[in-house]
Protein backbone atom coordinates (compact mmCIF):
# COMPACT_ATOMS: atom_id res chain seq x y z
CA MET A 1 28.89 14.34 -105.54
CA GLU A 2 28.54 14.33 -102.02
CA ASP A 3 31.24 16.19 -99.26
CA LYS A 4 33.24 13.44 -98.08
CA ALA A 5 32.65 15.45 -94.57
CA VAL A 6 29.08 14.50 -94.65
CA LYS A 7 29.19 10.98 -95.43
CA GLN A 8 31.07 11.18 -92.39
CA GLN A 9 28.07 11.98 -90.18
CA LYS A 10 26.11 8.78 -90.70
CA ARG A 11 26.69 7.07 -87.74
CA LEU A 12 26.29 3.03 -86.91
CA LEU A 13 23.06 1.57 -87.31
CA GLU A 14 21.44 5.12 -88.58
CA GLN A 15 19.23 5.84 -91.62
CA GLU A 16 19.39 8.92 -93.79
CA HIS A 17 16.85 11.02 -95.34
CA LEU A 18 17.43 14.13 -97.37
CA LEU A 19 14.28 16.03 -97.38
CA PRO A 20 12.60 16.66 -100.92
CA TYR A 21 12.39 20.20 -100.72
CA THR A 22 15.31 22.91 -99.29
CA ILE A 23 14.93 25.62 -96.93
CA GLU A 24 15.85 29.47 -97.36
CA ALA A 25 18.48 31.30 -95.67
CA GLN A 26 20.41 34.40 -95.83
CA ASN A 27 18.97 33.97 -99.64
CA GLN A 28 20.22 30.85 -100.23
CA SER A 29 18.86 27.52 -100.19
CA PHE A 30 19.86 24.60 -98.13
CA HIS A 31 19.22 21.28 -98.12
CA VAL A 32 18.83 19.16 -94.85
CA MET A 33 19.59 15.59 -94.11
CA ILE A 34 17.61 13.71 -91.69
CA TYR A 35 19.34 11.08 -89.57
CA THR A 36 16.99 8.49 -87.67
CA LYS A 37 18.18 5.66 -85.44
CA LEU A 38 15.08 3.50 -84.51
CA GLY A 39 12.68 5.38 -85.61
CA LYS A 40 13.66 8.61 -83.87
CA ILE A 41 15.50 11.60 -84.79
CA SER A 42 19.00 11.14 -84.16
CA GLY A 43 20.61 13.89 -85.96
CA VAL A 44 20.27 16.68 -88.57
CA ALA A 45 22.88 17.54 -90.97
CA VAL A 46 22.14 21.65 -93.10
CA LEU A 47 24.11 21.02 -96.78
CA ASN A 48 24.71 23.43 -99.37
CA ALA A 49 24.06 23.12 -102.71
CA ASP A 50 26.62 21.17 -103.39
CA LYS A 51 26.06 18.81 -100.72
CA SER A 52 28.92 20.14 -98.20
CA LEU A 53 28.90 20.85 -94.70
CA ALA A 54 26.89 24.53 -94.14
CA ASP A 55 28.51 26.80 -91.75
CA ARG A 56 27.33 26.28 -88.47
CA LYS A 57 25.08 29.54 -87.61
CA VAL A 58 23.47 29.26 -91.28
CA ALA A 59 22.82 25.41 -90.36
CA GLU A 60 20.89 26.61 -86.79
CA GLU A 61 19.23 29.27 -88.78
CA VAL A 62 17.57 26.49 -91.00
CA VAL A 63 16.29 24.16 -88.50
CA LEU A 64 14.60 26.85 -87.11
CA LYS A 65 12.57 27.28 -89.89
CA LEU A 66 12.57 23.55 -89.92
CA GLN A 67 11.09 23.33 -86.13
CA ARG A 68 8.91 25.58 -87.22
CA TYR A 69 7.10 23.99 -89.84
CA ASN A 70 7.00 20.86 -88.00
CA PHE A 71 5.34 22.75 -85.35
CA TYR A 72 2.30 23.78 -87.52
CA PHE A 73 1.88 19.66 -88.00
CA GLU A 74 2.72 18.12 -84.84
CA TYR A 75 -0.21 17.15 -83.57
CA LEU A 76 -2.21 15.99 -86.72
CA SER A 77 1.24 13.72 -87.02
CA LYS A 78 1.16 12.23 -83.88
CA ARG A 79 -2.74 11.97 -84.02
CA SER A 80 -2.12 10.12 -87.59
CA ASP A 81 -0.02 7.43 -86.10
CA VAL A 82 -2.50 7.46 -82.77
CA VAL A 83 -5.93 6.81 -84.35
CA LYS A 84 -4.67 6.11 -87.89
CA GLU A 85 -7.87 7.49 -90.04
CA ARG A 86 -10.52 5.86 -87.56
CA ASP A 87 -11.78 9.15 -86.61
CA SER A 88 -13.31 9.20 -90.64
CA ILE A 89 -15.02 5.58 -90.49
CA VAL A 90 -16.32 6.72 -86.60
CA ALA A 91 -17.51 9.51 -88.35
CA GLU A 92 -19.44 8.27 -90.90
CA ARG A 93 -21.06 5.23 -88.62
CA ILE A 94 -22.42 8.03 -86.05
CA GLU A 95 -24.15 9.57 -89.05
CA GLN A 96 -25.60 6.36 -90.08
CA THR A 97 -26.96 5.68 -86.31
CA GLN A 98 -27.32 8.85 -84.45
CA LEU A 99 -30.98 9.73 -84.96
CA ILE A 100 -32.43 7.84 -82.57
CA LEU A 101 -31.22 10.09 -79.46
CA ASN A 102 -33.63 12.91 -80.99
CA ASP A 103 -36.74 10.50 -80.10
CA GLY A 104 -38.03 13.07 -77.37
CA ASP A 105 -40.29 10.16 -76.27
CA LEU A 106 -37.38 7.81 -75.52
CA PHE A 107 -36.14 8.75 -72.77
CA ASP A 108 -37.62 10.09 -69.13
CA ASP A 109 -36.83 13.46 -67.41
CA PHE A 110 -33.72 11.91 -65.42
CA MET A 111 -32.18 10.74 -68.85
CA GLN A 112 -33.10 13.15 -71.50
CA PRO A 113 -30.31 15.89 -70.40
CA THR A 114 -27.87 13.22 -70.35
CA VAL A 115 -28.86 12.24 -73.92
CA ASP A 116 -28.90 15.73 -75.10
CA LYS A 117 -25.42 16.67 -74.43
CA LEU A 118 -24.07 13.49 -75.54
CA SER A 119 -26.48 14.27 -79.00
CA LEU A 120 -24.60 17.79 -78.99
CA ALA A 121 -21.51 15.96 -78.53
CA LEU A 122 -21.53 13.23 -81.09
CA GLU A 123 -23.25 16.66 -83.37
CA VAL A 124 -20.06 18.39 -82.92
CA TYR A 125 -17.67 15.27 -83.26
CA LYS A 126 -19.02 14.58 -86.47
CA GLN A 127 -19.18 18.06 -87.80
CA GLN A 128 -15.46 18.88 -87.05
CA GLN A 129 -14.44 15.61 -88.41
CA HIS A 130 -16.06 16.26 -91.78
CA LYS A 131 -13.96 19.75 -91.38
CA MET A 132 -10.34 18.37 -90.27
CA ASP A 133 -10.89 15.81 -93.05
CA ILE A 134 -10.78 18.51 -95.92
CA TYR A 135 -8.24 20.62 -94.17
CA GLN A 136 -6.31 17.45 -93.90
CA GLU A 137 -6.39 17.03 -97.52
CA ASP A 138 -5.26 21.01 -98.03
CA ILE A 139 -1.99 20.10 -95.70
CA SER A 140 -1.46 16.70 -97.76
CA LEU A 141 -1.68 19.12 -101.01
CA LEU A 142 0.26 21.85 -99.74
CA ASN A 143 3.07 19.50 -98.74
CA GLU A 144 3.03 17.93 -102.56
CA LYS A 145 3.32 21.48 -104.26
CA ILE A 146 6.15 22.28 -101.53
CA LYS A 147 7.98 18.72 -103.13
CA GLU A 148 6.95 19.27 -106.23
CA GLN A 149 8.60 23.19 -106.71
CA GLY A 150 11.61 21.55 -104.05
CA GLN A 151 11.46 24.39 -101.66
CA ILE A 152 9.53 26.22 -99.56
CA GLN A 153 8.56 29.22 -100.54
CA PRO A 154 7.06 32.28 -98.97
CA GLU A 155 3.13 31.57 -99.47
CA ASP A 156 3.60 28.45 -98.20
CA TRP A 157 4.97 29.12 -94.95
CA LYS A 158 1.74 31.61 -94.79
CA SER A 159 -0.60 28.62 -96.02
CA ALA A 160 1.10 26.30 -93.52
CA GLU A 161 0.15 28.51 -90.81
CA ASP A 162 -3.46 29.29 -91.55
CA LEU A 163 -4.41 25.43 -91.99
CA SER A 164 -2.72 24.57 -88.39
CA ILE A 165 -4.94 27.40 -87.08
CA LEU A 166 -7.98 25.20 -88.46
CA PHE A 167 -6.93 22.11 -88.25
CA MET A 168 -6.20 22.44 -84.68
CA SER A 169 -9.57 24.78 -83.90
CA ALA A 170 -11.45 22.14 -85.09
CA ALA A 171 -9.37 19.11 -83.19
CA TYR A 172 -9.84 20.78 -80.24
CA ALA A 173 -13.71 21.82 -80.15
CA GLN A 174 -14.10 18.03 -80.84
CA THR A 175 -12.16 16.71 -78.01
CA ILE A 176 -13.33 18.59 -75.34
CA TYR A 177 -16.67 17.80 -76.31
CA LEU A 178 -16.14 14.19 -76.38
CA GLU A 179 -14.08 14.55 -73.02
CA ALA A 180 -17.04 15.86 -71.35
CA THR A 181 -19.23 12.87 -72.53
CA ARG A 182 -17.10 10.23 -71.21
CA LYS A 183 -19.46 9.32 -68.73
CA ASN A 184 -22.70 9.80 -70.60
CA ARG A 185 -21.93 7.22 -73.22
CA GLN A 186 -21.56 4.90 -70.02
CA ILE A 187 -25.14 5.65 -68.72
CA LEU A 188 -26.51 5.18 -72.33
CA ALA A 189 -25.56 2.25 -72.27
CA LYS A 190 -26.64 0.95 -68.96
CA TRP A 191 -29.88 2.23 -69.34
CA VAL A 192 -30.60 0.79 -72.70
CA HIS A 193 -29.29 -2.49 -70.43
CA ASP A 194 -31.84 -1.73 -68.23
CA HIS A 195 -34.85 -0.77 -69.99
CA GLN A 196 -34.65 -3.04 -73.18
CA LYS A 197 -36.84 -5.08 -72.44
CA GLN A 198 -39.41 -1.98 -71.96
CA LEU A 199 -38.81 -0.74 -75.59
CA PRO A 200 -40.18 -1.08 -79.04
CA ALA A 201 -38.22 -3.82 -80.88
CA SER A 202 -37.20 -1.05 -83.53
CA LYS A 203 -36.07 1.47 -81.06
CA ARG A 204 -34.54 -1.13 -78.91
CA LYS A 205 -32.31 -2.35 -82.04
CA ALA A 206 -31.87 0.96 -82.79
CA LEU A 207 -30.39 2.09 -79.73
CA LEU A 208 -28.38 -1.32 -79.09
CA LYS A 209 -26.33 -0.20 -82.44
CA LEU A 210 -25.38 2.99 -81.37
CA VAL A 211 -24.48 1.55 -78.04
CA ALA A 212 -22.42 -1.03 -79.41
CA LEU A 213 -20.74 1.49 -81.49
CA LEU A 214 -20.02 3.65 -78.65
CA SER A 215 -18.27 1.01 -76.51
CA ASP A 216 -14.77 0.92 -75.47
CA THR A 217 -14.04 -1.37 -78.40
CA SER A 218 -15.08 0.73 -81.13
CA ALA A 219 -15.85 4.11 -81.33
CA GLY A 220 -15.46 4.82 -77.38
CA LEU A 221 -11.85 3.67 -78.20
CA ILE A 222 -11.09 6.11 -80.68
CA PHE A 223 -12.73 8.62 -78.44
CA ASP A 224 -10.79 7.95 -75.62
CA GLN A 225 -7.31 8.53 -77.96
CA ILE A 226 -8.35 11.68 -78.97
CA ILE A 227 -9.10 12.61 -75.77
CA SER A 228 -5.18 11.47 -74.61
CA LEU A 229 -3.41 13.94 -77.06
CA LEU A 230 -5.43 16.74 -74.95
CA PRO A 231 -2.26 17.79 -73.19
CA LEU A 232 -0.90 18.38 -77.05
CA LEU A 233 -3.50 20.67 -77.97
CA GLU A 234 -3.10 22.61 -74.50
CA LYS A 235 0.21 22.83 -74.68
CA GLY A 236 2.31 26.56 -74.29
CA LEU A 237 -1.48 27.53 -73.89
CA LEU A 238 -3.13 28.97 -70.67
CA ILE A 239 -6.36 27.55 -70.51
CA ASP A 240 -9.47 27.44 -67.88
CA HIS A 241 -10.68 24.25 -67.56
CA ASP A 242 -13.71 25.99 -65.24
CA GLU A 243 -15.14 27.55 -68.50
CA ASP A 244 -18.36 25.86 -70.60
CA LEU A 245 -16.97 24.35 -73.70
CA PRO A 246 -17.59 27.26 -76.01
CA LYS A 247 -16.28 29.31 -73.81
CA ARG A 248 -13.47 27.11 -73.38
CA ALA A 249 -13.18 26.44 -77.62
CA GLN A 250 -13.17 29.93 -78.32
CA GLU A 251 -10.53 30.63 -75.69
CA PHE A 252 -8.79 28.15 -77.44
CA ASN A 253 -8.79 30.02 -80.82
CA LYS A 254 -7.22 32.54 -79.72
CA GLU A 255 -4.40 31.61 -77.79
CA TYR A 256 -3.17 28.81 -80.58
CA GLU A 257 -4.02 31.48 -83.25
CA ALA A 258 -1.40 34.17 -81.44
CA LEU A 259 0.96 31.12 -80.09
CA CYS A 260 1.17 30.23 -84.21
CA ARG A 261 1.55 33.26 -85.89
CA PHE A 262 3.96 34.78 -83.51
CA TYR A 263 5.86 31.10 -83.05
CA LYS A 264 9.57 30.69 -82.34
CA PRO A 265 11.00 27.68 -81.57
CA LYS A 266 13.94 27.28 -79.41
CA LEU A 267 17.28 25.86 -80.76
CA GLU A 268 17.92 24.19 -77.37
CA LYS A 269 16.05 21.36 -78.39
CA MET A 270 17.94 20.63 -81.17
CA VAL A 271 21.62 21.96 -81.05
CA LYS A 272 22.66 18.41 -79.76
CA LEU A 273 21.56 16.86 -83.32
CA ILE A 274 23.35 19.04 -85.15
CA ARG A 275 25.66 17.99 -86.50
CA ASN A 276 27.43 20.91 -88.92
């Protein structure tokens, strides 16, 4: 039976959600009750096996571990809210339309470097998106495993850490190449508009299809939404933005892995929410 003190933790207009898994601390397993109000976390209560309130110090230890697990997938969660799986759909559409950019006889010497950089960025986007789709499925399977077993086991922490590093590395490479070629998309659109009457019908049709895909109301919108999350990717890291893109991606991979391996949450962010 739920302890009376636990019921008293719920406040006006709040909803409560008991996590479907326990977190271990001091060789015991503890339940976590999350309280939300208007879609935001408004409180946390850590419960003993009998659903009574745990000791405050134990609650703080459990909340720190919960913060650590949430940190691994903070970016993924935010990206899912913003992009809503449209990134995968865009990757499929790019694969169907990008071949025209490889036509070496189509563009003049002035335009070719712009096209080459855009073509590379689209290829990076597509390849990294395929990787992220796989990693996201693995993350979903891990979360389902934790839910079914009812607790986060020691090996699950390592799996979460490894998957976070893989997913974030792919997302960062994808993002910085999109950011670096935002103007290239606009230049291509203008070039096609200015030269379309001079192009063979089949190539004109292919280019117009690609330009439409990359417009601000289609894939371009998704790209800009992904780029807007760059500060979240770089949070807590010192990245040299003057490096070329491959080196910048390598630097991120090294720094984020170190951050992830030795990440220590700060209790100050959650202390006011703990209701033990």
